Amino acid sequence: MLGIFPQGPKSPTCSNTTDNMIRIFIADDHAMFAEGLESLLSGEQDFNLVGKAGTAEETLRKVRMSPPEVLLLDINLPDQSGLEVCKQLREEMPDLKIMALSMFSDESYISAMLGMGAQGYLLKNTGKAELCTAIRSLAAGKTYFSKEVTDVIMRGLMENRTGANAAKEAPKVSRRELEVLRHIMDEKTTPEIAQILFLSEKTVESHRAALLAKLGARNTAGMVKTALHWKLLD
């Protein structure tokens, strides 16, 4: 797991410095994790941490004021999904490189984030050497995915190819996702759904993001249309 290390000499596994420092911004609502990232990256001569934020609103405001080169973006922010943050910033700043950070390796989360324009996806148990490699890859205009994420993507592609000529089936949605979907279709807000289902708003947003990905929808209207087509709530 990404740990909190005291500042000290550069790690030899992450020492390929460049003349131009890479401007990095961290968006994560877990203070300890964000501080751990800051500590890990501060010892790298070619890294310049230009800011951090714990909410979507703060991230959007600060990034717009002083754009970084690489944004390390948590998918689950407390006030708004990282998916929406990614979409907005990629539309406004085509040159911004976004690395998704998540505890989830589910294909729906990965596909949704990549669909919004992220150029990389790392799990939060990634080690320091790989984190540095990923940041430098994005800054150089490349993409980067951890091995586990790559395996998930490839597995999904193979399944799609295998099933290309088969009868199309309804998307597989969990019981909890169906509950959230039902309330979305009843025009309940995220806070209302959270209260009804005894969930955090962040968890509700995670289920919403997964539904968008699984149903292949870009917004709530498309999600509802697809759900009705497959009669998911019948």
C-alpha atoms as a PDB file:
ATOM      1  CA  MET A   1       0.000   0.000   0.000  1.00  0.00           C
ATOM      2  CA  LEU A   2       1.153   3.531  -0.662  1.00  0.00           C
ATOM      3  CA  GLY A   3       2.760   4.430   2.638  1.00  0.00           C
ATOM      4  CA  ILE A   4       3.839   7.540   4.432  1.00  0.00           C
ATOM      5  CA  PHE A   5       7.606   7.709   4.390  1.00  0.00           C
ATOM      6  CA  PRO A   6       9.749  10.469   5.921  1.00  0.00           C
ATOM      7  CA  GLN A   7      11.395  12.754   3.426  1.00  0.00           C
ATOM      8  CA  GLY A   8      14.915  11.711   2.610  1.00  0.00           C
ATOM      9  CA  PRO A   9      17.191  10.781  -0.252  1.00  0.00           C
ATOM     10  CA  LYS A  10      15.580   9.950  -3.542  1.00  0.00           C
ATOM     11  CA  SER A  11      14.565   6.361  -4.050  1.00  0.00           C
ATOM     12  CA  PRO A  12      16.921   4.687  -6.508  1.00  0.00           C
ATOM     13  CA  THR A  13      13.928   3.030  -8.168  1.00  0.00           C
ATOM     14  CA  CYS A  14      12.488   6.423  -9.028  1.00  0.00           C
ATOM     15  CA  SER A  15      15.468   8.645  -9.801  1.00  0.00           C
ATOM     16  CA  ASN A  16      15.327   9.416 -13.520  1.00  0.00           C
ATOM     17  CA  THR A  17      15.146  13.178 -13.226  1.00  0.00           C
ATOM     18  CA  THR A  18      14.472  15.620 -16.050  1.00  0.00           C
ATOM     19  CA  ASP A  19      15.231  19.287 -16.580  1.00  0.00           C
ATOM     20  CA  ASN A  20      11.576  20.279 -16.516  1.00  0.00           C
ATOM     21  CA  MET A  21       9.686  19.478 -13.326  1.00  0.00           C
ATOM     22  CA  ILE A  22       6.332  17.752 -13.663  1.00  0.00           C
ATOM     23  CA  ARG A  23       3.567  19.743 -11.981  1.00  0.00           C
ATOM     24  CA  ILE A  24       1.324  17.390 -10.000  1.00  0.00           C
ATOM     25  CA  PHE A  25      -1.997  17.942  -8.230  1.00  0.00           C
ATOM     26  CA  ILE A  26      -3.551  15.457  -5.758  1.00  0.00           C
ATOM     27  CA  ALA A  27      -7.334  15.165  -5.381  1.00  0.00           C
ATOM     28  CA  ASP A  28      -8.301  12.766  -2.583  1.00  0.00           C
ATOM     29  CA  ASP A  29     -10.581  13.225   0.423  1.00  0.00           C
ATOM     30  CA  HIS A  30      -8.610  10.900   2.694  1.00  0.00           C
ATOM     31  CA  ALA A  31      -6.132  13.265   4.346  1.00  0.00           C
ATOM     32  CA  MET A  32      -3.743  10.519   5.451  1.00  0.00           C
ATOM     33  CA  PHE A  33      -3.573   9.020   1.955  1.00  0.00           C
ATOM     34  CA  ALA A  34      -3.096  12.437   0.317  1.00  0.00           C
ATOM     35  CA  GLU A  35      -0.345  13.317   2.781  1.00  0.00           C
ATOM     36  CA  GLY A  36       1.268   9.955   2.120  1.00  0.00           C
ATOM     37  CA  LEU A  37       1.295  10.660  -1.607  1.00  0.00           C
ATOM     38  CA  GLU A  38       2.779  14.085  -0.971  1.00  0.00           C
ATOM     39  CA  SER A  39       5.535  12.570   1.152  1.00  0.00           C
ATOM     40  CA  LEU A  40       6.297   9.905  -1.450  1.00  0.00           C
ATOM     41  CA  LEU A  41       6.528  12.374  -4.313  1.00  0.00           C
ATOM     42  CA  SER A  42       8.356  15.184  -2.514  1.00  0.00           C
ATOM     43  CA  GLY A  43      11.734  13.456  -2.751  1.00  0.00           C
ATOM     44  CA  GLU A  44      11.690  13.301  -6.552  1.00  0.00           C
ATOM     45  CA  GLN A  45      13.740  16.032  -8.212  1.00  0.00           C
ATOM     46  CA  ASP A  46      11.534  16.184 -11.303  1.00  0.00           C
ATOM     47  CA  PHE A  47       8.243  16.345  -9.391  1.00  0.00           C
ATOM     48  CA  ASN A  48       6.617  19.571  -8.233  1.00  0.00           C
ATOM     49  CA  LEU A  49       3.466  19.168  -6.133  1.00  0.00           C
ATOM     50  CA  VAL A  50       1.482  22.297  -6.957  1.00  0.00           C
ATOM     51  CA  GLY A  51      -1.606  21.590  -4.846  1.00  0.00           C
ATOM     52  CA  LYS A  52      -4.075  19.174  -3.351  1.00  0.00           C
ATOM     53  CA  ALA A  53      -7.789  19.111  -2.576  1.00  0.00           C
ATOM     54  CA  GLY A  54     -10.268  16.935  -0.718  1.00  0.00           C
ATOM     55  CA  THR A  55     -13.469  17.722  -2.636  1.00  0.00           C
ATOM     56  CA  ALA A  56     -14.565  17.951  -6.256  1.00  0.00           C
ATOM     57  CA  GLU A  57     -15.458  21.636  -5.889  1.00  0.00           C
ATOM     58  CA  GLU A  58     -12.039  22.491  -4.474  1.00  0.00           C
ATOM     59  CA  THR A  59     -10.300  20.398  -7.133  1.00  0.00           C
ATOM     60  CA  LEU A  60     -12.100  22.111 -10.002  1.00  0.00           C
ATOM     61  CA  ARG A  61     -11.463  25.566  -8.589  1.00  0.00           C
ATOM     62  CA  LYS A  62      -7.760  25.077  -7.865  1.00  0.00           C
ATOM     63  CA  VAL A  63      -6.938  23.170 -11.051  1.00  0.00           C
ATOM     64  CA  ARG A  64      -8.640  25.825 -13.161  1.00  0.00           C
ATOM     65  CA  MET A  65      -6.688  28.559 -11.377  1.00  0.00           C
ATOM     66  CA  SER A  66      -3.309  26.858 -11.750  1.00  0.00           C
ATOM     67  CA  PRO A  67      -3.403  23.876 -14.114  1.00  0.00           C
ATOM     68  CA  PRO A  68      -0.979  21.023 -13.338  1.00  0.00           C
ATOM     69  CA  GLU A  69       0.427  18.622 -15.909  1.00  0.00           C
ATOM     70  CA  VAL A  70      -0.768  15.505 -14.081  1.00  0.00           C
ATOM     71  CA  LEU A  71      -3.835  15.218 -11.865  1.00  0.00           C
ATOM     72  CA  LEU A  72      -3.986  12.256  -9.466  1.00  0.00           C
ATOM     73  CA  LEU A  73      -7.753  11.921  -9.085  1.00  0.00           C
ATOM     74  CA  ASP A  74      -9.661   9.784  -6.609  1.00  0.00           C
ATOM     75  CA  ILE A  75     -12.796   8.347  -8.241  1.00  0.00           C
ATOM     76  CA  ASN A  76     -14.875   8.781  -5.067  1.00  0.00           C
ATOM     77  CA  LEU A  77     -14.925  12.353  -3.812  1.00  0.00           C
ATOM     78  CA  PRO A  78     -17.449  13.339  -1.129  1.00  0.00           C
ATOM     79  CA  ASP A  79     -19.403  16.026  -3.000  1.00  0.00           C
ATOM     80  CA  GLN A  80     -19.251  14.795  -6.583  1.00  0.00           C
ATOM     81  CA  SER A  81     -18.006  11.767  -8.477  1.00  0.00           C
ATOM     82  CA  GLY A  82     -14.447  11.860  -9.771  1.00  0.00           C
ATOM     83  CA  LEU A  83     -15.967  10.741 -13.075  1.00  0.00           C
ATOM     84  CA  GLU A  84     -17.709  14.079 -13.489  1.00  0.00           C
ATOM     85  CA  VAL A  85     -14.599  15.975 -12.400  1.00  0.00           C
ATOM     86  CA  CYS A  86     -12.583  14.078 -15.013  1.00  0.00           C
ATOM     87  CA  LYS A  87     -15.148  14.799 -17.723  1.00  0.00           C
ATOM     88  CA  GLN A  88     -15.310  18.523 -16.975  1.00  0.00           C
ATOM     89  CA  LEU A  89     -11.564  19.050 -16.787  1.00  0.00           C
ATOM     90  CA  ARG A  90     -10.783  17.022 -19.903  1.00  0.00           C
ATOM     91  CA  GLU A  91     -13.325  19.093 -21.858  1.00  0.00           C
ATOM     92  CA  GLU A  92     -11.872  22.353 -20.537  1.00  0.00           C
ATOM     93  CA  MET A  93      -8.188  21.335 -20.561  1.00  0.00           C
ATOM     94  CA  PRO A  94      -7.421  18.824 -23.329  1.00  0.00           C
ATOM     95  CA  ASP A  95      -3.727  18.802 -22.421  1.00  0.00           C
ATOM     96  CA  LEU A  96      -4.311  17.853 -18.779  1.00  0.00           C
ATOM     97  CA  LYS A  97      -3.213  14.303 -17.955  1.00  0.00           C
ATOM     98  CA  ILE A  98      -5.493  12.519 -15.472  1.00  0.00           C
ATOM     99  CA  MET A  99      -4.515   9.436 -13.479  1.00  0.00           C
ATOM    100  CA  ALA A 100      -7.449   7.773 -11.746  1.00  0.00           C
ATOM    101  CA  LEU A 101      -6.775   6.447  -8.237  1.00  0.00           C
ATOM    102  CA  SER A 102      -9.130   3.864  -6.783  1.00  0.00           C
ATOM    103  CA  MET A 103      -9.520   0.901  -4.476  1.00  0.00           C
ATOM    104  CA  PHE A 104     -11.798  -0.684  -7.096  1.00  0.00           C
ATOM    105  CA  SER A 105     -10.587  -2.915  -9.926  1.00  0.00           C
ATOM    106  CA  ASP A 106     -14.110  -3.582 -11.202  1.00  0.00           C
ATOM    107  CA  GLU A 107     -14.341  -3.260 -14.988  1.00  0.00           C
ATOM    108  CA  SER A 108     -17.294  -0.884 -14.730  1.00  0.00           C
ATOM    109  CA  TYR A 109     -15.261   1.688 -12.774  1.00  0.00           C
ATOM    110  CA  ILE A 110     -12.263   1.370 -15.082  1.00  0.00           C
ATOM    111  CA  SER A 111     -14.356   1.658 -18.256  1.00  0.00           C
ATOM    112  CA  ALA A 112     -16.296   4.612 -16.891  1.00  0.00           C
ATOM    113  CA  MET A 113     -13.161   6.542 -15.947  1.00  0.00           C
ATOM    114  CA  LEU A 114     -11.432   5.853 -19.259  1.00  0.00           C
ATOM    115  CA  GLY A 115     -14.625   6.823 -21.046  1.00  0.00           C
ATOM    116  CA  MET A 116     -14.440  10.208 -19.345  1.00  0.00           C
ATOM    117  CA  GLY A 117     -10.945  10.788 -20.678  1.00  0.00           C
ATOM    118  CA  ALA A 118      -8.535   9.533 -18.005  1.00  0.00           C
ATOM    119  CA  GLN A 119      -5.206   8.419 -19.455  1.00  0.00           C
ATOM    120  CA  GLY A 120      -4.314   6.086 -16.615  1.00  0.00           C
ATOM    121  CA  TYR A 121      -5.743   4.019 -13.783  1.00  0.00           C
ATOM    122  CA  LEU A 122      -3.878   2.931 -10.659  1.00  0.00           C
ATOM    123  CA  LEU A 123      -5.058   0.979  -7.651  1.00  0.00           C
ATOM    124  CA  LYS A 124      -4.291   2.513  -4.277  1.00  0.00           C
ATOM    125  CA  ASN A 125      -2.096  -0.424  -3.269  1.00  0.00           C
ATOM    126  CA  THR A 126       0.400   0.551  -5.961  1.00  0.00           C
ATOM    127  CA  GLY A 127       4.025   0.871  -4.843  1.00  0.00           C
ATOM    128  CA  LYS A 128       6.145   3.997  -5.062  1.00  0.00           C
ATOM    129  CA  ALA A 129       8.264   2.914  -8.046  1.00  0.00           C
ATOM    130  CA  GLU A 130       5.214   2.163 -10.173  1.00  0.00           C
ATOM    131  CA  LEU A 131       3.509   5.382  -9.094  1.00  0.00           C
ATOM    132  CA  CYS A 132       6.503   7.421 -10.252  1.00  0.00           C
ATOM    133  CA  THR A 133       6.700   5.499 -13.508  1.00  0.00           C
ATOM    134  CA  ALA A 134       2.993   6.111 -14.113  1.00  0.00           C
ATOM    135  CA  ILE A 135       3.267   9.860 -13.498  1.00  0.00           C
ATOM    136  CA  ARG A 136       6.249  10.186 -15.822  1.00  0.00           C
ATOM    137  CA  SER A 137       4.475   8.133 -18.491  1.00  0.00           C
ATOM    138  CA  LEU A 138       1.444  10.416 -18.456  1.00  0.00           C
ATOM    139  CA  ALA A 139       3.615  13.535 -18.482  1.00  0.00           C
ATOM    140  CA  ALA A 140       5.344  12.137 -21.582  1.00  0.00           C
ATOM    141  CA  GLY A 141       2.008  11.761 -23.350  1.00  0.00           C
ATOM    142  CA  LYS A 142       1.604   8.022 -22.784  1.00  0.00           C
ATOM    143  CA  THR A 143      -1.039   6.015 -20.953  1.00  0.00           C
ATOM    144  CA  TYR A 144      -0.435   3.848 -17.907  1.00  0.00           C
ATOM    145  CA  PHE A 145      -2.411   1.082 -16.224  1.00  0.00           C
ATOM    146  CA  SER A 146      -1.320  -1.181 -13.401  1.00  0.00           C
ATOM    147  CA  LYS A 147      -1.044  -4.866 -14.306  1.00  0.00           C
ATOM    148  CA  GLU A 148      -4.238  -5.809 -12.485  1.00  0.00           C
ATOM    149  CA  VAL A 149      -6.147  -3.077 -14.299  1.00  0.00           C
ATOM    150  CA  THR A 150      -4.677  -4.154 -17.656  1.00  0.00           C
ATOM    151  CA  ASP A 151      -5.772  -7.732 -16.972  1.00  0.00           C
ATOM    152  CA  VAL A 152      -9.316  -6.558 -16.243  1.00  0.00           C
ATOM    153  CA  ILE A 153      -9.413  -4.520 -19.471  1.00  0.00           C
ATOM    154  CA  MET A 154      -8.098  -7.391 -21.577  1.00  0.00           C
ATOM    155  CA  ARG A 155     -10.516  -9.845 -19.983  1.00  0.00           C
ATOM    156  CA  GLY A 156     -13.384  -7.531 -20.820  1.00  0.00           C
ATOM    157  CA  LEU A 157     -12.227  -7.187 -24.428  1.00  0.00           C
ATOM    158  CA  MET A 158     -11.974 -10.963 -24.805  1.00  0.00           C
ATOM    159  CA  GLU A 159     -15.434 -11.469 -23.344  1.00  0.00           C
ATOM    160  CA  ASN A 160     -16.864  -8.872 -25.712  1.00  0.00           C
ATOM    161  CA  ARG A 161     -15.170 -10.545 -28.682  1.00  0.00           C
ATOM    162  CA  THR A 162     -16.352 -14.000 -27.628  1.00  0.00           C
ATOM    163  CA  GLY A 163     -19.907 -12.802 -27.189  1.00  0.00           C
ATOM    164  CA  ALA A 164     -20.022 -10.629 -30.296  1.00  0.00           C
ATOM    165  CA  ASN A 165     -22.096 -13.128 -32.245  1.00  0.00           C
ATOM    166  CA  ALA A 166     -24.134 -14.325 -29.289  1.00  0.00           C
ATOM    167  CA  ALA A 167     -27.551 -13.064 -28.314  1.00  0.00           C
ATOM    168  CA  LYS A 168     -27.190  -9.835 -26.405  1.00  0.00           C
ATOM    169  CA  GLU A 169     -27.977 -10.195 -22.720  1.00  0.00           C
ATOM    170  CA  ALA A 170     -29.106  -7.698 -20.142  1.00  0.00           C
ATOM    171  CA  PRO A 171     -26.229  -6.128 -18.216  1.00  0.00           C
ATOM    172  CA  LYS A 172     -25.415  -7.765 -14.884  1.00  0.00           C
ATOM    173  CA  VAL A 173     -26.411  -5.380 -12.101  1.00  0.00           C
ATOM    174  CA  SER A 174     -26.093  -6.122  -8.388  1.00  0.00           C
ATOM    175  CA  ARG A 175     -29.020  -6.060  -5.961  1.00  0.00           C
ATOM    176  CA  ARG A 176     -27.767  -2.875  -4.320  1.00  0.00           C
ATOM    177  CA  GLU A 177     -27.273  -1.198  -7.694  1.00  0.00           C
ATOM    178  CA  LEU A 178     -30.860  -2.091  -8.585  1.00  0.00           C
ATOM    179  CA  GLU A 179     -32.061  -0.460  -5.376  1.00  0.00           C
ATOM    180  CA  VAL A 180     -30.145   2.705  -6.219  1.00  0.00           C
ATOM    181  CA  LEU A 181     -31.452   2.566  -9.802  1.00  0.00           C
ATOM    182  CA  ARG A 182     -35.038   2.284  -8.594  1.00  0.00           C
ATOM    183  CA  HIS A 183     -34.682   5.436  -6.510  1.00  0.00           C
ATOM    184  CA  ILE A 184     -32.928   7.282  -9.334  1.00  0.00           C
ATOM    185  CA  MET A 185     -35.880   6.466 -11.571  1.00  0.00           C
ATOM    186  CA  ASP A 186     -38.153   7.812  -8.846  1.00  0.00           C
ATOM    187  CA  GLU A 187     -36.182  11.096  -9.192  1.00  0.00           C
ATOM    188  CA  LYS A 188     -34.623  10.861  -5.750  1.00  0.00           C
ATOM    189  CA  THR A 189     -31.481  12.899  -5.140  1.00  0.00           C
ATOM    190  CA  THR A 190     -28.215  11.364  -3.944  1.00  0.00           C
ATOM    191  CA  PRO A 191     -28.721  12.616  -0.343  1.00  0.00           C
ATOM    192  CA  GLU A 192     -32.266  11.212  -0.344  1.00  0.00           C
ATOM    193  CA  ILE A 193     -31.119   7.825  -1.655  1.00  0.00           C
ATOM    194  CA  ALA A 194     -28.327   7.723   0.919  1.00  0.00           C
ATOM    195  CA  GLN A 195     -30.797   8.361   3.720  1.00  0.00           C
ATOM    196  CA  ILE A 196     -33.322   5.792   2.479  1.00  0.00           C
ATOM    197  CA  LEU A 197     -30.743   3.019   2.000  1.00  0.00           C
ATOM    198  CA  PHE A 198     -28.605   3.936   5.030  1.00  0.00           C
ATOM    199  CA  LEU A 199     -25.571   4.525   2.823  1.00  0.00           C
ATOM    200  CA  SER A 200     -23.077   7.351   2.542  1.00  0.00           C
ATOM    201  CA  GLU A 201     -23.554   9.783  -0.332  1.00  0.00           C
ATOM    202  CA  LYS A 202     -20.140   8.719  -1.587  1.00  0.00           C
ATOM    203  CA  THR A 203     -21.282   5.083  -1.803  1.00  0.00           C
ATOM    204  CA  VAL A 204     -24.431   6.101  -3.672  1.00  0.00           C
ATOM    205  CA  GLU A 205     -22.307   8.031  -6.184  1.00  0.00           C
ATOM    206  CA  SER A 206     -20.099   4.961  -6.624  1.00  0.00           C
ATOM    207  CA  HIS A 207     -23.154   2.830  -7.424  1.00  0.00           C
ATOM    208  CA  ARG A 208     -24.390   5.507  -9.824  1.00  0.00           C
ATOM    209  CA  ALA A 209     -21.027   5.511 -11.612  1.00  0.00           C
ATOM    210  CA  ALA A 210     -21.080   1.721 -11.864  1.00  0.00           C
ATOM    211  CA  LEU A 211     -24.611   1.812 -13.302  1.00  0.00           C
ATOM    212  CA  LEU A 212     -23.612   4.357 -15.937  1.00  0.00           C
ATOM    213  CA  ALA A 213     -20.725   2.147 -16.991  1.00  0.00           C
ATOM    214  CA  LYS A 214     -22.633  -1.152 -16.954  1.00  0.00           C
ATOM    215  CA  LEU A 215     -25.577   0.304 -18.879  1.00  0.00           C
ATOM    216  CA  GLY A 216     -23.321   2.086 -21.348  1.00  0.00           C
ATOM    217  CA  ALA A 217     -24.970   5.427 -20.598  1.00  0.00           C
ATOM    218  CA  ARG A 218     -23.482   8.926 -20.553  1.00  0.00           C
ATOM    219  CA  ASN A 219     -26.034  10.468 -18.213  1.00  0.00           C
ATOM    220  CA  THR A 220     -29.041   9.698 -16.026  1.00  0.00           C
ATOM    221  CA  ALA A 221     -31.506   9.954 -18.894  1.00  0.00           C
ATOM    222  CA  GLY A 222     -29.574   7.378 -20.907  1.00  0.00           C
ATOM    223  CA  MET A 223     -29.290   5.131 -17.853  1.00  0.00           C
ATOM    224  CA  VAL A 224     -33.052   5.206 -17.285  1.00  0.00           C
ATOM    225  CA  LYS A 225     -33.741   4.558 -20.981  1.00  0.00           C
ATOM    226  CA  THR A 226     -31.476   1.504 -21.020  1.00  0.00           C
ATOM    227  CA  ALA A 227     -32.910   0.201 -17.747  1.00  0.00           C
ATOM    228  CA  LEU A 228     -36.423   0.422 -19.187  1.00  0.00           C
ATOM    229  CA  HIS A 229     -35.291  -1.327 -22.385  1.00  0.00           C
ATOM    230  CA  TRP A 230     -33.951  -4.287 -20.424  1.00  0.00           C
ATOM    231  CA  LYS A 231     -36.849  -4.183 -17.927  1.00  0.00           C
ATOM    232  CA  LEU A 232     -34.336  -4.361 -15.091  1.00  0.00           C
ATOM    233  CA  LEU A 233     -36.851  -3.385 -12.440  1.00  0.00           C
ATOM    234  CA  ASP A 234     -39.726  -5.590 -13.567  1.00  0.00           C
END
